[in-house]
Amino acid sequence: MTSNTPYLNIPTDQDNAEYLLLTQGKMVMMGEINEQSYAKLFGNLLLLDAIGSPDVELHISSDGGSVTYGFMMFDAIRLYKGKIIGIVPGGQAISMASVILQACTLRKMSRHSWMNIHTALTKNPISYADIVSAGKMKKLTEVLKISTERILDAYMLRAKVSRKRIATLMGENKELPPGLALKLGLIDEII
């Protein structure tokens, strides 16, 4: 069964929990940040845009993932016309998930959640041959440097401390409880 609005063709199956949540202004982002999670978020935002871009909550619990798809999600959230309230409800916003949270209009964490910020990592294994090859290491170093700067730029959009302070914490692979995240300006509210 589909909706009476032919151009949306939204399923109305009562067992479809994600659709039911979406109709109540709630989205869930769990698991790895990758092509599939990006497609899900982007599709949901397009559906919401088609009905007037209502305000929505994005519930986040993720260990992070792809920098590329993470920034695609970041941009999709920032370009959405309605407000997106990012909520970390007792889970974690690690790595790119903490970056995606920064794109939200309002950023909230529960008292028992946490986030982790760090410099860019490589998913690809590095071999001895890569290490001794100056050209390969130079290219990898440049890619990681650029990615780290992009991540730092995202944190600095609303951070309440210096760029140097956030960069230092990233270099320490820092776990941030909600109180510290609030003090740094990486969230707006503890719930």
N, C-alpha and C. Protein backbone atom coordinates (compact mmCIF):
# COMPACT_ATOMS: atom_id res chain seq x y z
N MET A 1 0.84 -1.18 0.00
CA MET A 1 0.00 0.00 0.00
C MET A 1 0.89 1.25 0.00
N THR A 2 0.48 2.27 -0.73
CA THR A 2 1.25 3.52 -0.79
C THR A 2 0.36 4.68 -0.39
N SER A 3 0.97 5.83 -0.21
CA SER A 3 0.22 7.03 0.18
C SER A 3 -0.66 7.51 -0.96
N ASN A 4 -1.59 8.41 -0.64
CA ASN A 4 -2.47 8.99 -1.65
C ASN A 4 -1.78 10.07 -2.46
N THR A 5 -0.57 10.41 -2.11
CA THR A 5 0.19 11.41 -2.84
C THR A 5 1.08 10.68 -3.84
N PRO A 6 0.68 10.60 -5.12
CA PRO A 6 1.39 9.75 -6.07
C PRO A 6 2.85 10.09 -6.28
N TYR A 7 3.23 11.36 -6.20
CA TYR A 7 4.62 11.71 -6.46
C TYR A 7 5.55 11.32 -5.32
N LEU A 8 5.01 11.07 -4.12
CA LEU A 8 5.86 10.64 -3.01
C LEU A 8 5.98 9.12 -2.97
N ASN A 9 4.88 8.41 -3.22
CA ASN A 9 4.88 6.96 -3.21
C ASN A 9 5.54 6.40 -1.95
N ILE A 10 5.16 6.95 -0.80
CA ILE A 10 5.71 6.53 0.48
C ILE A 10 4.95 5.30 0.97
N PRO A 11 5.66 4.24 1.37
CA PRO A 11 4.95 3.08 1.90
C PRO A 11 4.26 3.44 3.22
N THR A 12 3.06 2.88 3.42
CA THR A 12 2.34 3.16 4.66
C THR A 12 2.16 1.90 5.50
N ASP A 13 2.93 0.89 5.25
CA ASP A 13 2.88 -0.35 6.02
C ASP A 13 3.15 -0.05 7.50
N GLN A 14 2.22 -0.41 8.36
CA GLN A 14 2.33 -0.11 9.79
C GLN A 14 3.52 -0.80 10.43
N ASP A 15 4.04 -1.86 9.81
CA ASP A 15 5.19 -2.57 10.38
C ASP A 15 6.52 -1.90 10.03
N ASN A 16 6.49 -0.91 9.21
CA ASN A 16 7.72 -0.25 8.79
C ASN A 16 8.09 0.79 9.85
N ALA A 17 8.89 0.37 10.83
CA ALA A 17 9.22 1.23 11.98
C ALA A 17 9.93 2.50 11.54
N GLU A 18 10.83 2.41 10.58
CA GLU A 18 11.55 3.61 10.16
C GLU A 18 10.61 4.64 9.56
N TYR A 19 9.66 4.17 8.77
CA TYR A 19 8.70 5.10 8.19
C TYR A 19 7.84 5.73 9.28
N LEU A 20 7.42 4.93 10.24
CA LEU A 20 6.60 5.46 11.33
C LEU A 20 7.38 6.51 12.12
N LEU A 21 8.65 6.24 12.38
CA LEU A 21 9.48 7.23 13.07
C LEU A 21 9.60 8.51 12.24
N LEU A 22 9.82 8.34 10.94
CA LEU A 22 9.97 9.50 10.06
C LEU A 22 8.70 10.35 10.06
N THR A 23 7.53 9.70 10.09
CA THR A 23 6.27 10.47 10.11
C THR A 23 6.12 11.23 11.42
N GLN A 24 6.87 10.83 12.44
CA GLN A 24 6.83 11.52 13.73
C GLN A 24 8.03 12.46 13.91
N GLY A 25 8.76 12.70 12.83
CA GLY A 25 9.87 13.63 12.87
C GLY A 25 11.12 13.07 13.52
N LYS A 26 11.34 11.78 13.40
CA LYS A 26 12.51 11.15 13.99
C LYS A 26 13.22 10.27 12.97
N MET A 27 14.55 10.38 12.95
CA MET A 27 15.39 9.52 12.12
C MET A 27 16.44 8.89 13.03
N VAL A 28 16.93 7.73 12.62
CA VAL A 28 17.94 7.02 13.40
C VAL A 28 19.17 6.79 12.53
N MET A 29 20.34 7.11 13.07
CA MET A 29 21.61 6.82 12.40
C MET A 29 22.42 5.93 13.34
N MET A 30 22.44 4.64 13.04
CA MET A 30 23.18 3.69 13.86
C MET A 30 24.14 2.91 12.97
N GLY A 31 25.23 2.47 13.56
CA GLY A 31 26.17 1.64 12.83
C GLY A 31 27.18 2.45 12.05
N GLU A 32 27.82 1.77 11.12
CA GLU A 32 28.92 2.36 10.36
C GLU A 32 28.42 3.44 9.40
N ILE A 33 29.22 4.49 9.27
CA ILE A 33 28.94 5.54 8.28
C ILE A 33 29.56 5.09 6.97
N ASN A 34 28.69 4.84 6.00
CA ASN A 34 29.14 4.30 4.71
C ASN A 34 28.13 4.71 3.64
N GLU A 35 28.25 4.14 2.47
CA GLU A 35 27.36 4.49 1.37
C GLU A 35 25.89 4.22 1.71
N GLN A 36 25.63 3.09 2.37
CA GLN A 36 24.25 2.74 2.70
C GLN A 36 23.64 3.71 3.72
N SER A 37 24.41 4.07 4.75
CA SER A 37 23.86 5.00 5.75
C SER A 37 23.66 6.39 5.15
N TYR A 38 24.55 6.77 4.23
CA TYR A 38 24.36 8.04 3.55
C TYR A 38 23.09 8.01 2.70
N ALA A 39 22.91 6.94 1.93
CA ALA A 39 21.73 6.84 1.06
C ALA A 39 20.44 6.89 1.89
N LYS A 40 20.45 6.23 3.04
CA LYS A 40 19.27 6.24 3.92
C LYS A 40 18.98 7.65 4.43
N LEU A 41 20.00 8.33 4.94
CA LEU A 41 19.81 9.68 5.45
C LEU A 41 19.37 10.63 4.34
N PHE A 42 20.07 10.58 3.22
CA PHE A 42 19.75 11.48 2.11
C PHE A 42 18.34 11.24 1.60
N GLY A 43 17.96 9.97 1.47
CA GLY A 43 16.60 9.64 1.03
C GLY A 43 15.55 10.18 2.00
N ASN A 44 15.80 10.02 3.29
CA ASN A 44 14.86 10.55 4.29
C ASN A 44 14.75 12.06 4.20
N LEU A 45 15.87 12.73 4.02
CA LEU A 45 15.84 14.20 3.93
C LEU A 45 15.11 14.65 2.66
N LEU A 46 15.27 13.92 1.57
CA LEU A 46 14.53 14.26 0.35
C LEU A 46 13.03 14.10 0.56
N LEU A 47 12.63 13.02 1.22
CA LEU A 47 11.20 12.81 1.51
C LEU A 47 10.67 13.95 2.38
N LEU A 48 11.43 14.30 3.42
CA LEU A 48 11.00 15.38 4.31
C LEU A 48 10.96 16.72 3.58
N ASP A 49 11.92 16.94 2.69
CA ASP A 49 11.94 18.17 1.90
C ASP A 49 10.69 18.27 1.02
N ALA A 50 10.25 17.13 0.49
CA ALA A 50 9.08 17.10 -0.38
C ALA A 50 7.79 17.48 0.36
N ILE A 51 7.80 17.35 1.68
CA ILE A 51 6.59 17.70 2.45
C ILE A 51 6.80 18.98 3.27
N GLY A 52 7.76 19.80 2.86
CA GLY A 52 7.91 21.11 3.48
C GLY A 52 9.05 21.26 4.47
N SER A 53 9.94 20.29 4.54
CA SER A 53 11.13 20.37 5.40
C SER A 53 10.79 20.63 6.87
N PRO A 54 9.97 19.75 7.47
CA PRO A 54 9.67 19.95 8.90
C PRO A 54 10.91 19.72 9.76
N ASP A 55 10.88 20.25 10.97
CA ASP A 55 11.96 19.99 11.91
C ASP A 55 11.96 18.51 12.26
N VAL A 56 13.15 17.96 12.50
CA VAL A 56 13.28 16.53 12.74
C VAL A 56 14.40 16.26 13.73
N GLU A 57 14.28 15.16 14.45
CA GLU A 57 15.33 14.70 15.35
C GLU A 57 16.14 13.62 14.64
N LEU A 58 17.46 13.68 14.79
CA LEU A 58 18.35 12.64 14.27
C LEU A 58 19.03 11.99 15.48
N HIS A 59 18.64 10.75 15.77
CA HIS A 59 19.20 10.01 16.91
C HIS A 59 20.44 9.26 16.42
N ILE A 60 21.58 9.53 17.04
CA ILE A 60 22.87 9.04 16.57
C ILE A 60 23.50 8.09 17.59
N SER A 61 23.91 6.92 17.11
CA SER A 61 24.76 6.01 17.89
C SER A 61 25.63 5.28 16.87
N SER A 62 26.87 5.73 16.73
CA SER A 62 27.72 5.21 15.67
C SER A 62 29.19 5.26 16.07
N ASP A 63 29.93 4.26 15.60
CA ASP A 63 31.38 4.21 15.79
C ASP A 63 32.12 4.95 14.69
N GLY A 64 31.40 5.63 13.81
CA GLY A 64 32.04 6.38 12.73
C GLY A 64 32.16 5.55 11.47
N GLY A 65 33.08 5.96 10.60
CA GLY A 65 33.26 5.26 9.33
C GLY A 65 33.92 6.16 8.31
N SER A 66 33.41 6.12 7.10
CA SER A 66 33.99 6.80 5.95
C SER A 66 33.96 8.33 6.08
N VAL A 67 35.13 8.94 5.88
CA VAL A 67 35.20 10.40 5.87
C VAL A 67 34.41 10.95 4.69
N THR A 68 34.53 10.31 3.54
CA THR A 68 33.82 10.77 2.33
C THR A 68 32.32 10.78 2.55
N TYR A 69 31.75 9.64 2.95
CA TYR A 69 30.31 9.58 3.15
C TYR A 69 29.88 10.39 4.37
N GLY A 70 30.74 10.48 5.36
CA GLY A 70 30.44 11.31 6.52
C GLY A 70 30.27 12.76 6.15
N PHE A 71 31.15 13.27 5.30
CA PHE A 71 31.01 14.67 4.89
C PHE A 71 29.84 14.86 3.92
N MET A 72 29.50 13.83 3.17
CA MET A 72 28.29 13.92 2.34
C MET A 72 27.06 14.03 3.24
N MET A 73 27.04 13.30 4.34
CA MET A 73 25.93 13.39 5.30
C MET A 73 25.94 14.76 5.99
N PHE A 74 27.11 15.22 6.38
CA PHE A 74 27.28 16.53 7.00
C PHE A 74 26.67 17.61 6.10
N ASP A 75 27.04 17.59 4.82
CA ASP A 75 26.53 18.60 3.89
C ASP A 75 25.03 18.48 3.68
N ALA A 76 24.51 17.26 3.59
CA ALA A 76 23.07 17.06 3.41
C ALA A 76 22.30 17.64 4.59
N ILE A 77 22.81 17.44 5.79
CA ILE A 77 22.17 17.99 7.00
C ILE A 77 22.22 19.51 6.99
N ARG A 78 23.37 20.06 6.67
CA ARG A 78 23.52 21.52 6.67
C ARG A 78 22.65 22.19 5.60
N LEU A 79 22.41 21.50 4.49
CA LEU A 79 21.62 22.08 3.41
C LEU A 79 20.11 21.89 3.59
N TYR A 80 19.70 21.03 4.53
CA TYR A 80 18.28 20.79 4.78
C TYR A 80 17.64 22.09 5.28
N LYS A 81 16.47 22.41 4.77
CA LYS A 81 15.83 23.70 5.09
C LYS A 81 15.25 23.75 6.50
N GLY A 82 14.81 22.63 7.03
CA GLY A 82 14.26 22.60 8.38
C GLY A 82 15.37 22.44 9.41
N LYS A 83 14.99 22.46 10.68
CA LYS A 83 15.96 22.24 11.75
C LYS A 83 16.15 20.74 11.97
N ILE A 84 17.39 20.35 12.20
CA ILE A 84 17.70 18.97 12.56
C ILE A 84 18.33 19.00 13.94
N ILE A 85 17.66 18.34 14.87
CA ILE A 85 18.14 18.26 16.24
C ILE A 85 18.90 16.94 16.37
N GLY A 86 20.21 17.01 16.54
CA GLY A 86 21.04 15.82 16.69
C GLY A 86 21.05 15.39 18.14
N ILE A 87 20.73 14.13 18.38
CA ILE A 87 20.66 13.60 19.74
C ILE A 87 21.49 12.34 19.84
N VAL A 88 22.38 12.29 20.82
CA VAL A 88 23.13 11.08 21.14
C VAL A 88 22.50 10.54 22.42
N PRO A 89 21.57 9.58 22.29
CA PRO A 89 20.74 9.17 23.43
C PRO A 89 21.28 7.96 24.20
N GLY A 90 22.41 8.12 24.83
CA GLY A 90 22.95 7.03 25.62
C GLY A 90 23.94 6.14 24.89
N GLY A 91 24.20 6.42 23.65
CA GLY A 91 25.18 5.67 22.89
C GLY A 91 26.45 6.48 22.71
N GLN A 92 26.98 6.46 21.51
CA GLN A 92 28.20 7.20 21.25
C GLN A 92 28.17 7.85 19.88
N ALA A 93 28.90 8.93 19.78
CA ALA A 93 29.14 9.60 18.51
C ALA A 93 30.65 9.61 18.36
N ILE A 94 31.18 8.60 17.71
CA ILE A 94 32.61 8.42 17.59
C ILE A 94 33.06 8.83 16.19
N SER A 95 34.21 9.47 16.12
CA SER A 95 34.85 9.75 14.85
C SER A 95 33.92 10.57 13.95
N MET A 96 33.61 10.09 12.76
CA MET A 96 32.78 10.86 11.82
C MET A 96 31.37 11.10 12.35
N ALA A 97 30.88 10.26 13.24
CA ALA A 97 29.56 10.50 13.83
C ALA A 97 29.57 11.79 14.63
N SER A 98 30.69 12.09 15.31
CA SER A 98 30.79 13.35 16.06
C SER A 98 30.87 14.54 15.11
N VAL A 99 31.44 14.33 13.94
CA VAL A 99 31.50 15.39 12.92
C VAL A 99 30.10 15.65 12.38
N ILE A 100 29.37 14.59 12.07
CA ILE A 100 28.00 14.72 11.56
C ILE A 100 27.13 15.45 12.57
N LEU A 101 27.31 15.16 13.86
CA LEU A 101 26.56 15.85 14.91
C LEU A 101 26.76 17.36 14.81
N GLN A 102 27.95 17.80 14.42
CA GLN A 102 28.24 19.23 14.33
C GLN A 102 27.39 19.94 13.27
N ALA A 103 26.88 19.21 12.29
CA ALA A 103 26.06 19.81 11.24
C ALA A 103 24.64 20.10 11.71
N CYS A 104 24.22 19.50 12.80
CA CYS A 104 22.86 19.64 13.28
C CYS A 104 22.62 21.04 13.86
N THR A 105 21.40 21.51 13.72
CA THR A 105 21.01 22.83 14.21
C THR A 105 21.19 22.92 15.73
N LEU A 106 20.76 21.89 16.43
CA LEU A 106 20.89 21.79 17.87
C LEU A 106 21.51 20.43 18.17
N ARG A 107 22.52 20.39 19.05
CA ARG A 107 23.27 19.16 19.33
C ARG A 107 23.10 18.80 20.80
N LYS A 108 22.57 17.59 21.05
CA LYS A 108 22.30 17.15 22.43
C LYS A 108 22.94 15.79 22.68
N MET A 109 23.37 15.60 23.93
CA MET A 109 23.88 14.29 24.36
C MET A 109 23.24 13.95 25.70
N SER A 110 22.92 12.68 25.90
CA SER A 110 22.44 12.26 27.21
C SER A 110 23.63 12.14 28.15
N ARG A 111 23.34 12.11 29.43
CA ARG A 111 24.39 12.06 30.45
C ARG A 111 25.29 10.83 30.35
N HIS A 112 24.78 9.75 29.78
CA HIS A 112 25.55 8.51 29.74
C HIS A 112 26.11 8.20 28.35
N SER A 113 26.09 9.18 27.49
CA SER A 113 26.67 9.01 26.16
C SER A 113 28.06 9.64 26.13
N TRP A 114 28.74 9.48 25.01
CA TRP A 114 30.06 10.08 24.87
C TRP A 114 30.40 10.23 23.40
N MET A 115 31.38 11.08 23.13
CA MET A 115 31.87 11.22 21.76
C MET A 115 33.39 11.06 21.77
N ASN A 116 33.91 10.80 20.61
CA ASN A 116 35.35 10.65 20.45
C ASN A 116 35.78 11.47 19.26
N ILE A 117 36.83 12.28 19.45
CA ILE A 117 37.37 13.06 18.34
C ILE A 117 38.84 12.66 18.15
N HIS A 118 39.25 12.57 16.91
CA HIS A 118 40.63 12.19 16.61
C HIS A 118 41.01 12.66 15.21
N THR A 119 42.28 12.58 14.90
CA THR A 119 42.76 12.91 13.57
C THR A 119 42.32 11.82 12.60
N ALA A 120 42.41 12.10 11.32
CA ALA A 120 42.00 11.15 10.30
C ALA A 120 42.83 9.87 10.36
N LEU A 121 42.17 8.77 10.07
CA LEU A 121 42.81 7.46 10.03
C LEU A 121 42.69 6.88 8.63
N THR A 122 43.50 5.91 8.34
CA THR A 122 43.38 5.19 7.07
C THR A 122 42.73 3.84 7.33
N LYS A 123 41.81 3.47 6.46
CA LYS A 123 41.18 2.15 6.58
C LYS A 123 42.03 1.08 5.91
N ASN A 124 42.85 1.51 4.98
CA ASN A 124 43.66 0.55 4.23
C ASN A 124 44.88 0.15 5.05
N PRO A 125 45.19 -1.14 5.04
CA PRO A 125 46.40 -1.57 5.75
C PRO A 125 47.65 -0.98 5.09
N ILE A 126 48.62 -0.67 5.90
CA ILE A 126 49.88 -0.11 5.39
C ILE A 126 50.95 -1.19 5.49
N SER A 127 51.56 -1.48 4.37
CA SER A 127 52.59 -2.51 4.34
C SER A 127 53.99 -1.91 4.56
N TYR A 128 54.95 -2.77 4.77
CA TYR A 128 56.34 -2.34 4.89
C TYR A 128 56.77 -1.63 3.61
N ALA A 129 56.34 -2.18 2.45
CA ALA A 129 56.69 -1.56 1.17
C ALA A 129 56.15 -0.14 1.08
N ASP A 130 54.96 0.09 1.64
CA ASP A 130 54.39 1.44 1.64
C ASP A 130 55.24 2.38 2.50
N ILE A 131 55.68 1.88 3.64
CA ILE A 131 56.45 2.70 4.57
C ILE A 131 57.79 3.12 3.97
N VAL A 132 58.45 2.21 3.27
CA VAL A 132 59.76 2.53 2.71
C VAL A 132 59.67 3.28 1.38
N SER A 133 58.47 3.32 0.79
CA SER A 133 58.27 4.06 -0.45
C SER A 133 57.93 5.51 -0.11
N ALA A 134 58.88 6.38 -0.35
CA ALA A 134 58.71 7.80 -0.01
C ALA A 134 57.49 8.39 -0.71
N GLY A 135 57.28 8.02 -1.96
CA GLY A 135 56.16 8.57 -2.73
C GLY A 135 54.81 8.17 -2.15
N LYS A 136 54.68 6.89 -1.80
CA LYS A 136 53.41 6.42 -1.23
C LYS A 136 53.15 7.04 0.14
N MET A 137 54.18 7.15 0.95
CA MET A 137 54.00 7.73 2.29
C MET A 137 53.69 9.23 2.20
N LYS A 138 54.32 9.91 1.25
CA LYS A 138 54.05 11.34 1.09
C LYS A 138 52.59 11.56 0.68
N LYS A 139 52.09 10.73 -0.25
CA LYS A 139 50.71 10.85 -0.70
C LYS A 139 49.74 10.54 0.45
N LEU A 140 50.00 9.47 1.18
CA LEU A 140 49.15 9.10 2.30
C LEU A 140 49.15 10.19 3.38
N THR A 141 50.32 10.73 3.66
CA THR A 141 50.44 11.80 4.65
C THR A 141 49.62 13.01 4.23
N GLU A 142 49.66 13.36 2.96
CA GLU A 142 48.91 14.51 2.45
C GLU A 142 47.41 14.28 2.54
N VAL A 143 46.96 13.09 2.18
CA VAL A 143 45.53 12.76 2.26
C VAL A 143 45.04 12.84 3.70
N LEU A 144 45.80 12.27 4.63
CA LEU A 144 45.41 12.30 6.04
C LEU A 144 45.43 13.72 6.60
N LYS A 145 46.39 14.52 6.17
CA LYS A 145 46.47 15.91 6.61
C LYS A 145 45.24 16.69 6.14
N ILE A 146 44.88 16.55 4.88
CA ILE A 146 43.72 17.25 4.33
C ILE A 146 42.44 16.81 5.04
N SER A 147 42.28 15.51 5.24
CA SER A 147 41.10 14.99 5.94
C SER A 147 41.02 15.51 7.36
N THR A 148 42.15 15.53 8.06
CA THR A 148 42.18 16.03 9.43
C THR A 148 41.80 17.51 9.47
N GLU A 149 42.27 18.30 8.53
CA GLU A 149 41.93 19.72 8.49
C GLU A 149 40.44 19.92 8.23
N ARG A 150 39.85 19.11 7.37
CA ARG A 150 38.41 19.21 7.09
C ARG A 150 37.61 18.87 8.34
N ILE A 151 38.03 17.84 9.06
CA ILE A 151 37.36 17.44 10.30
C ILE A 151 37.47 18.57 11.32
N LEU A 152 38.66 19.11 11.47
CA LEU A 152 38.88 20.22 12.40
C LEU A 152 38.02 21.43 12.04
N ASP A 153 37.91 21.73 10.75
CA ASP A 153 37.05 22.83 10.30
C ASP A 153 35.61 22.62 10.74
N ALA A 154 35.12 21.38 10.65
CA ALA A 154 33.74 21.08 11.06
C ALA A 154 33.56 21.31 12.55
N TYR A 155 34.50 20.87 13.36
CA TYR A 155 34.39 21.10 14.80
C TYR A 155 34.43 22.59 15.14
N MET A 156 35.22 23.33 14.39
CA MET A 156 35.41 24.75 14.71
C MET A 156 34.24 25.64 14.30
N LEU A 157 33.27 25.11 13.58
CA LEU A 157 32.13 25.93 13.19
C LEU A 157 31.45 26.56 14.40
N ARG A 158 31.39 25.81 15.52
CA ARG A 158 30.71 26.34 16.71
C ARG A 158 31.48 26.07 18.00
N ALA A 159 32.70 25.63 17.90
CA ALA A 159 33.49 25.36 19.11
C ALA A 159 33.69 26.64 19.91
N LYS A 160 33.80 26.48 21.23
CA LYS A 160 33.99 27.62 22.13
C LYS A 160 35.44 27.76 22.58
N VAL A 161 36.31 26.97 22.02
CA VAL A 161 37.73 27.02 22.38
C VAL A 161 38.55 27.19 21.10
N SER A 162 39.83 27.34 21.26
CA SER A 162 40.70 27.61 20.12
C SER A 162 40.86 26.39 19.21
N ARG A 163 41.22 26.67 17.99
CA ARG A 163 41.51 25.61 17.02
C ARG A 163 42.64 24.72 17.54
N LYS A 164 43.62 25.35 18.15
CA LYS A 164 44.75 24.59 18.69
C LYS A 164 44.29 23.60 19.75
N ARG A 165 43.36 24.02 20.61
CA ARG A 165 42.86 23.14 21.69
C ARG A 165 42.13 21.93 21.10
N ILE A 166 41.27 22.16 20.13
CA ILE A 166 40.54 21.05 19.50
C ILE A 166 41.53 20.13 18.76
N ALA A 167 42.50 20.72 18.05
CA ALA A 167 43.50 19.91 17.34
C ALA A 167 44.30 19.05 18.31
N THR A 168 44.63 19.60 19.47
CA THR A 168 45.37 18.83 20.48
C THR A 168 44.54 17.64 20.96
N LEU A 169 43.27 17.88 21.25
CA LEU A 169 42.38 16.80 21.69
C LEU A 169 42.22 15.74 20.61
N MET A 170 42.13 16.16 19.36
CA MET A 170 42.04 15.20 18.26
C MET A 170 43.31 14.35 18.21
N GLY A 171 44.46 14.97 18.38
CA GLY A 171 45.73 14.25 18.37
C GLY A 171 45.85 13.25 19.50
N GLU A 172 45.10 13.49 20.60
CA GLU A 172 45.11 12.58 21.75
C GLU A 172 44.05 11.48 21.62
N ASN A 173 43.28 11.47 20.49
CA ASN A 173 42.21 10.49 20.30
C ASN A 173 41.29 10.54 21.53
N LYS A 174 40.77 11.72 21.80
CA LYS A 174 40.12 12.03 23.06
C LYS A 174 38.66 11.58 23.13
N GLU A 175 38.34 10.84 24.19
CA GLU A 175 36.95 10.52 24.52
C GLU A 175 36.39 11.68 25.33
N LEU A 176 35.22 12.16 24.93
CA LEU A 176 34.63 13.33 25.57
C LEU A 176 33.30 12.97 26.22
N PRO A 177 33.22 13.05 27.55
CA PRO A 177 31.91 12.91 28.19
C PRO A 177 31.08 14.16 27.88
N PRO A 178 29.79 14.11 28.08
CA PRO A 178 28.93 15.24 27.72
C PRO A 178 29.35 16.58 28.34
N GLY A 179 29.78 16.58 29.59
CA GLY A 179 30.17 17.83 30.24
C GLY A 179 31.32 18.52 29.53
N LEU A 180 32.32 17.75 29.14
CA LEU A 180 33.47 18.31 28.44
C LEU A 180 33.07 18.74 27.02
N ALA A 181 32.24 17.93 26.35
CA ALA A 181 31.78 18.29 25.01
C ALA A 181 31.01 19.61 25.05
N LEU A 182 30.21 19.82 26.09
CA LEU A 182 29.47 21.07 26.25
C LEU A 182 30.42 22.24 26.48
N LYS A 183 31.39 22.04 27.34
CA LYS A 183 32.37 23.10 27.64
C LYS A 183 33.16 23.50 26.39
N LEU A 184 33.47 22.53 25.54
CA LEU A 184 34.23 22.79 24.32
C LEU A 184 33.37 23.42 23.22
N GLY A 185 32.04 23.35 23.37
CA GLY A 185 31.14 23.87 22.34
C GLY A 185 30.82 22.86 21.27
N LEU A 186 31.06 21.58 21.52
CA LEU A 186 30.77 20.55 20.53
C LEU A 186 29.35 20.00 20.66
N ILE A 187 28.66 20.37 21.74
CA ILE A 187 27.23 20.13 21.89
C ILE A 187 26.64 21.38 22.52
N ASP A 188 25.29 21.46 22.46
CA ASP A 188 24.58 22.61 23.00
C ASP A 188 23.86 22.31 24.31
N GLU A 189 23.61 21.02 24.55
CA GLU A 189 22.79 20.68 25.70
C GLU A 189 23.04 19.25 26.15
N ILE A 190 22.98 19.04 27.48
CA ILE A 190 23.02 17.69 28.05
C ILE A 190 21.58 17.36 28.46
N ILE A 191 21.11 16.21 28.03
CA ILE A 191 19.73 15.81 28.36
C ILE A 191 19.72 14.64 29.33
